Amino acid sequence: MKENDLLKLMLGKAMESVQGGKMGGKGWIAAVVLGVIVVAGFIAYRLMVVELITRMR
């Protein structure tokens, strides 16, 4: 690689970090899976609470 190529590569990486970068496909999949896990956990918690309240009566 020439020195000019290295400077262009460094400038490109610096601009990407300044602009916040881009979220790739794996990042989106991870975010969706995490969201599904959180929602499923919340629903399971709510079902357990309802079960406990109905058994107390």
PDB file of N, CA and C in Angstrom:
ATOM      1  N   MET A   1       0.848  -1.183   0.000  1.00  0.00           N
ATOM      2  CA  MET A   1       0.000   0.000   0.000  1.00  0.00           C
ATOM      3  C   MET A   1       0.888   1.238   0.000  1.00  0.00           C
ATOM      4  N   LYS A   2       0.406   2.207  -0.688  1.00  0.00           N
ATOM      5  CA  LYS A   2       1.125   3.468  -0.725  1.00  0.00           C
ATOM      6  C   LYS A   2       0.710   4.323   0.467  1.00  0.00           C
ATOM      7  N   GLU A   3       1.505   5.323   0.742  1.00  0.00           N
ATOM      8  CA  GLU A   3       1.206   6.224   1.862  1.00  0.00           C
ATOM      9  C   GLU A   3      -0.120   6.950   1.638  1.00  0.00           C
ATOM     10  N   ASN A   4      -0.401   7.283   0.382  1.00  0.00           N
ATOM     11  CA  ASN A   4      -1.649   7.972   0.046  1.00  0.00           C
ATOM     12  C   ASN A   4      -2.856   7.086   0.341  1.00  0.00           C
ATOM     13  N   ASP A   5      -2.739   5.786   0.043  1.00  0.00           N
ATOM     14  CA  ASP A   5      -3.823   4.842   0.316  1.00  0.00           C
ATOM     15  C   ASP A   5      -4.083   4.725   1.818  1.00  0.00           C
ATOM     16  N   LEU A   6      -3.010   4.695   2.597  1.00  0.00           N
ATOM     17  CA  LEU A   6      -3.148   4.607   4.048  1.00  0.00           C
ATOM     18  C   LEU A   6      -3.844   5.851   4.609  1.00  0.00           C
ATOM     19  N   LEU A   7      -3.494   7.011   4.085  1.00  0.00           N
ATOM     20  CA  LEU A   7      -4.128   8.252   4.543  1.00  0.00           C
ATOM     21  C   LEU A   7      -5.610   8.262   4.208  1.00  0.00           C
ATOM     22  N   LYS A   8      -5.951   7.785   3.007  1.00  0.00           N
ATOM     23  CA  LYS A   8      -7.368   7.719   2.625  1.00  0.00           C
ATOM     24  C   LYS A   8      -8.134   6.748   3.523  1.00  0.00           C
ATOM     25  N   LEU A   9      -7.514   5.607   3.851  1.00  0.00           N
ATOM     26  CA  LEU A   9      -8.148   4.629   4.718  1.00  0.00           C
ATOM     27  C   LEU A   9      -8.355   5.200   6.123  1.00  0.00           C
ATOM     28  N   MET A  10      -7.360   5.884   6.647  1.00  0.00           N
ATOM     29  CA  MET A  10      -7.480   6.497   7.973  1.00  0.00           C
ATOM     30  C   MET A  10      -8.550   7.575   7.985  1.00  0.00           C
ATOM     31  N   LEU A  11      -8.602   8.372   6.917  1.00  0.00           N
ATOM     32  CA  LEU A  11      -9.618   9.418   6.832  1.00  0.00           C
ATOM     33  C   LEU A  11     -11.016   8.813   6.754  1.00  0.00           C
ATOM     34  N   GLY A  12     -11.170   7.736   6.002  1.00  0.00           N
ATOM     35  CA  GLY A  12     -12.465   7.071   5.898  1.00  0.00           C
ATOM     36  C   GLY A  12     -12.934   6.521   7.237  1.00  0.00           C
ATOM     37  N   LYS A  13     -12.018   5.900   7.986  1.00  0.00           N
ATOM     38  CA  LYS A  13     -12.375   5.368   9.309  1.00  0.00           C
ATOM     39  C   LYS A  13     -12.716   6.501  10.272  1.00  0.00           C
ATOM     40  N   ALA A  14     -11.986   7.600  10.210  1.00  0.00           N
ATOM     41  CA  ALA A  14     -12.263   8.737  11.085  1.00  0.00           C
ATOM     42  C   ALA A  14     -13.618   9.344  10.766  1.00  0.00           C
ATOM     43  N   MET A  15     -13.950   9.468   9.489  1.00  0.00           N
ATOM     44  CA  MET A  15     -15.252  10.037   9.110  1.00  0.00           C
ATOM     45  C   MET A  15     -16.390   9.114   9.530  1.00  0.00           C
ATOM     46  N   GLU A  16     -16.176   7.813   9.436  1.00  0.00           N
ATOM     47  CA  GLU A  16     -17.208   6.857   9.837  1.00  0.00           C
ATOM     48  C   GLU A  16     -17.480   6.960  11.334  1.00  0.00           C
ATOM     49  N   SER A  17     -16.417   7.106  12.129  1.00  0.00           N
ATOM     50  CA  SER A  17     -16.625   7.202  13.573  1.00  0.00           C
ATOM     51  C   SER A  17     -17.262   8.533  13.953  1.00  0.00           C
ATOM     52  N   VAL A  18     -16.970   9.590  13.210  1.00  0.00           N
ATOM     53  CA  VAL A  18     -17.580  10.894  13.485  1.00  0.00           C
ATOM     54  C   VAL A  18     -19.070  10.852  13.146  1.00  0.00           C
ATOM     55  N   GLN A  19     -19.425  10.174  12.067  1.00  0.00           N
ATOM     56  CA  GLN A  19     -20.821  10.110  11.626  1.00  0.00           C
ATOM     57  C   GLN A  19     -21.616   9.067  12.396  1.00  0.00           C
ATOM     58  N   GLY A  20     -21.006   8.359  13.315  1.00  0.00           N
ATOM     59  CA  GLY A  20     -21.729   7.383  14.118  1.00  0.00           C
ATOM     60  C   GLY A  20     -21.670   5.973  13.568  1.00  0.00           C
ATOM     61  N   GLY A  21     -21.060   5.774  12.445  1.00  0.00           N
ATOM     62  CA  GLY A  21     -20.967   4.434  11.871  1.00  0.00           C
ATOM     63  C   GLY A  21     -22.299   3.953  11.335  1.00  0.00           C
ATOM     64  N   LYS A  22     -22.283   2.776  10.802  1.00  0.00           N
ATOM     65  CA  LYS A  22     -23.504   2.186  10.252  1.00  0.00           C
ATOM     66  C   LYS A  22     -23.791   0.893  10.993  1.00  0.00           C
ATOM     67  N   MET A  23     -25.052   0.606  11.209  1.00  0.00           N
ATOM     68  CA  MET A  23     -25.435  -0.616  11.892  1.00  0.00           C
ATOM     69  C   MET A  23     -25.610  -1.706  10.852  1.00  0.00           C
ATOM     70  N   GLY A  24     -24.809  -2.750  10.967  1.00  0.00           N
ATOM     71  CA  GLY A  24     -24.857  -3.829   9.998  1.00  0.00           C
ATOM     72  C   GLY A  24     -26.008  -4.774  10.255  1.00  0.00           C
ATOM     73  N   GLY A  25     -26.113  -5.784   9.408  1.00  0.00           N
ATOM     74  CA  GLY A  25     -27.188  -6.756   9.517  1.00  0.00           C
ATOM     75  C   GLY A  25     -27.139  -7.539  10.826  1.00  0.00           C
ATOM     76  N   LYS A  26     -25.923  -7.904  11.258  1.00  0.00           N
ATOM     77  CA  LYS A  26     -25.796  -8.646  12.508  1.00  0.00           C
ATOM     78  C   LYS A  26     -26.231  -7.789  13.688  1.00  0.00           C
ATOM     79  N   GLY A  27     -25.959  -6.505  13.626  1.00  0.00           N
ATOM     80  CA  GLY A  27     -26.378  -5.606  14.706  1.00  0.00           C
ATOM     81  C   GLY A  27     -27.885  -5.516  14.813  1.00  0.00           C
ATOM     82  N   TRP A  28     -28.556  -5.438  13.668  1.00  0.00           N
ATOM     83  CA  TRP A  28     -30.021  -5.389  13.665  1.00  0.00           C
ATOM     84  C   TRP A  28     -30.616  -6.686  14.192  1.00  0.00           C
ATOM     85  N   ILE A  29     -30.049  -7.804  13.772  1.00  0.00           N
ATOM     86  CA  ILE A  29     -30.552  -9.106  14.239  1.00  0.00           C
ATOM     87  C   ILE A  29     -30.373  -9.230  15.747  1.00  0.00           C
ATOM     88  N   ALA A  30     -29.227  -8.812  16.253  1.00  0.00           N
ATOM     89  CA  ALA A  30     -28.977  -8.877  17.694  1.00  0.00           C
ATOM     90  C   ALA A  30     -29.959  -7.991  18.450  1.00  0.00           C
ATOM     91  N   ALA A  31     -30.249  -6.797  17.930  1.00  0.00           N
ATOM     92  CA  ALA A  31     -31.189  -5.889  18.588  1.00  0.00           C
ATOM     93  C   ALA A  31     -32.598  -6.484  18.602  1.00  0.00           C
ATOM     94  N   VAL A  32     -33.004  -7.097  17.508  1.00  0.00           N
ATOM     95  CA  VAL A  32     -34.344  -7.696  17.429  1.00  0.00           C
ATOM     96  C   VAL A  32     -34.449  -8.888  18.382  1.00  0.00           C
ATOM     97  N   VAL A  33     -33.422  -9.733  18.411  1.00  0.00           N
ATOM     98  CA  VAL A  33     -33.434 -10.897  19.310  1.00  0.00           C
ATOM     99  C   VAL A  33     -33.479 -10.441  20.764  1.00  0.00           C
ATOM    100  N   LEU A  34     -32.704  -9.436  21.099  1.00  0.00           N
ATOM    101  CA  LEU A  34     -32.715  -8.906  22.464  1.00  0.00           C
ATOM    102  C   LEU A  34     -34.089  -8.345  22.818  1.00  0.00           C
ATOM    103  N   GLY A  35     -34.716  -7.640  21.895  1.00  0.00           N
ATOM    104  CA  GLY A  35     -36.054  -7.109  22.128  1.00  0.00           C
ATOM    105  C   GLY A  35     -37.078  -8.205  22.341  1.00  0.00           C
ATOM    106  N   VAL A  36     -36.987  -9.267  21.554  1.00  0.00           N
ATOM    107  CA  VAL A  36     -37.926 -10.394  21.701  1.00  0.00           C
ATOM    108  C   VAL A  36     -37.733 -11.066  23.055  1.00  0.00           C
ATOM    109  N   ILE A  37     -36.485 -11.221  23.487  1.00  0.00           N
ATOM    110  CA  ILE A  37     -36.216 -11.836  24.785  1.00  0.00           C
ATOM    111  C   ILE A  37     -36.779 -10.981  25.912  1.00  0.00           C
ATOM    112  N   VAL A  38     -36.602  -9.673  25.821  1.00  0.00           N
ATOM    113  CA  VAL A  38     -37.124  -8.775  26.858  1.00  0.00           C
ATOM    114  C   VAL A  38     -38.644  -8.841  26.909  1.00  0.00           C
ATOM    115  N   VAL A  39     -39.291  -8.797  25.761  1.00  0.00           N
ATOM    116  CA  VAL A  39     -40.763  -8.844  25.722  1.00  0.00           C
ATOM    117  C   VAL A  39     -41.266 -10.190  26.246  1.00  0.00           C
ATOM    118  N   ALA A  40     -40.619 -11.287  25.862  1.00  0.00           N
ATOM    119  CA  ALA A  40     -41.035 -12.607  26.334  1.00  0.00           C
ATOM    120  C   ALA A  40     -40.864 -12.716  27.851  1.00  0.00           C
ATOM    121  N   GLY A  41     -39.780 -12.171  28.369  1.00  0.00           N
ATOM    122  CA  GLY A  41     -39.569 -12.184  29.814  1.00  0.00           C
ATOM    123  C   GLY A  41     -40.631 -11.373  30.540  1.00  0.00           C
ATOM    124  N   PHE A  42     -40.979 -10.228  29.987  1.00  0.00           N
ATOM    125  CA  PHE A  42     -42.011  -9.386  30.605  1.00  0.00           C
ATOM    126  C   PHE A  42     -43.365 -10.101  30.612  1.00  0.00           C
ATOM    127  N   ILE A  43     -43.704 -10.736  29.499  1.00  0.00           N
ATOM    128  CA  ILE A  43     -44.987 -11.457  29.424  1.00  0.00           C
ATOM    129  C   ILE A  43     -44.993 -12.625  30.407  1.00  0.00           C
ATOM    130  N   ALA A  44     -43.887 -13.363  30.498  1.00  0.00           N
ATOM    131  CA  ALA A  44     -43.810 -14.486  31.443  1.00  0.00           C
ATOM    132  C   ALA A  44     -43.954 -13.979  32.876  1.00  0.00           C
ATOM    133  N   TYR A  45     -43.315 -12.865  33.193  1.00  0.00           N
ATOM    134  CA  TYR A  45     -43.423 -12.283  34.536  1.00  0.00           C
ATOM    135  C   TYR A  45     -44.870 -11.903  34.837  1.00  0.00           C
ATOM    136  N   ARG A  46     -45.521 -11.261  33.885  1.00  0.00           N
ATOM    137  CA  ARG A  46     -46.916 -10.850  34.100  1.00  0.00           C
ATOM    138  C   ARG A  46     -47.825 -12.066  34.294  1.00  0.00           C
ATOM    139  N   LEU A  47     -47.601 -13.122  33.516  1.00  0.00           N
ATOM    140  CA  LEU A  47     -48.413 -14.337  33.666  1.00  0.00           C
ATOM    141  C   LEU A  47     -48.212 -14.977  35.029  1.00  0.00           C
ATOM    142  N   MET A  48     -46.967 -14.971  35.519  1.00  0.00           N
ATOM    143  CA  MET A  48     -46.709 -15.541  36.840  1.00  0.00           C
ATOM    144  C   MET A  48     -47.384 -14.716  37.925  1.00  0.00           C
ATOM    145  N   VAL A  49     -47.356 -13.408  37.801  1.00  0.00           N
ATOM    146  CA  VAL A  49     -47.994 -12.539  38.800  1.00  0.00           C
ATOM    147  C   VAL A  49     -49.509 -12.765  38.799  1.00  0.00           C
ATOM    148  N   VAL A  50     -50.114 -12.849  37.636  1.00  0.00           N
ATOM    149  CA  VAL A  50     -51.553 -13.099  37.542  1.00  0.00           C
ATOM    150  C   VAL A  50     -51.879 -14.465  38.153  1.00  0.00           C
ATOM    151  N   GLU A  51     -51.056 -15.462  37.880  1.00  0.00           N
ATOM    152  CA  GLU A  51     -51.254 -16.811  38.439  1.00  0.00           C
ATOM    153  C   GLU A  51     -51.206 -16.762  39.960  1.00  0.00           C
ATOM    154  N   LEU A  52     -50.234 -16.058  40.517  1.00  0.00           N
ATOM    155  CA  LEU A  52     -50.112 -15.974  41.973  1.00  0.00           C
ATOM    156  C   LEU A  52     -51.300 -15.257  42.599  1.00  0.00           C
ATOM    157  N   ILE A  53     -51.760 -14.187  41.950  1.00  0.00           N
ATOM    158  CA  ILE A  53     -52.889 -13.423  42.495  1.00  0.00           C
ATOM    159  C   ILE A  53     -54.165 -14.255  42.458  1.00  0.00           C
ATOM    160  N   THR A  54     -54.381 -14.988  41.371  1.00  0.00           N
ATOM    161  CA  THR A  54     -55.600 -15.785  41.283  1.00  0.00           C
ATOM    162  C   THR A  54     -55.581 -16.958  42.247  1.00  0.00           C
ATOM    163  N   ARG A  55     -54.424 -17.514  42.566  1.00  0.00           N
ATOM    164  CA  ARG A  55     -54.334 -18.631  43.522  1.00  0.00           C
ATOM    165  C   ARG A  55     -54.538 -18.160  44.956  1.00  0.00           C
ATOM    166  N   MET A  56     -54.257 -16.880  45.219  1.00  0.00           N
ATOM    167  CA  MET A  56     -54.404 -16.367  46.586  1.00  0.00           C
ATOM    168  C   MET A  56     -55.872 -16.223  46.969  1.00  0.00           C
ATOM    169  N   ARG A  57     -56.751 -16.108  46.004  1.00  0.00           N
ATOM    170  CA  ARG A  57     -58.163 -15.880  46.305  1.00  0.00           C
ATOM    171  C   ARG A  57     -58.857 -17.103  46.775  1.00  0.00           C
TER     172      ARG A  57
END
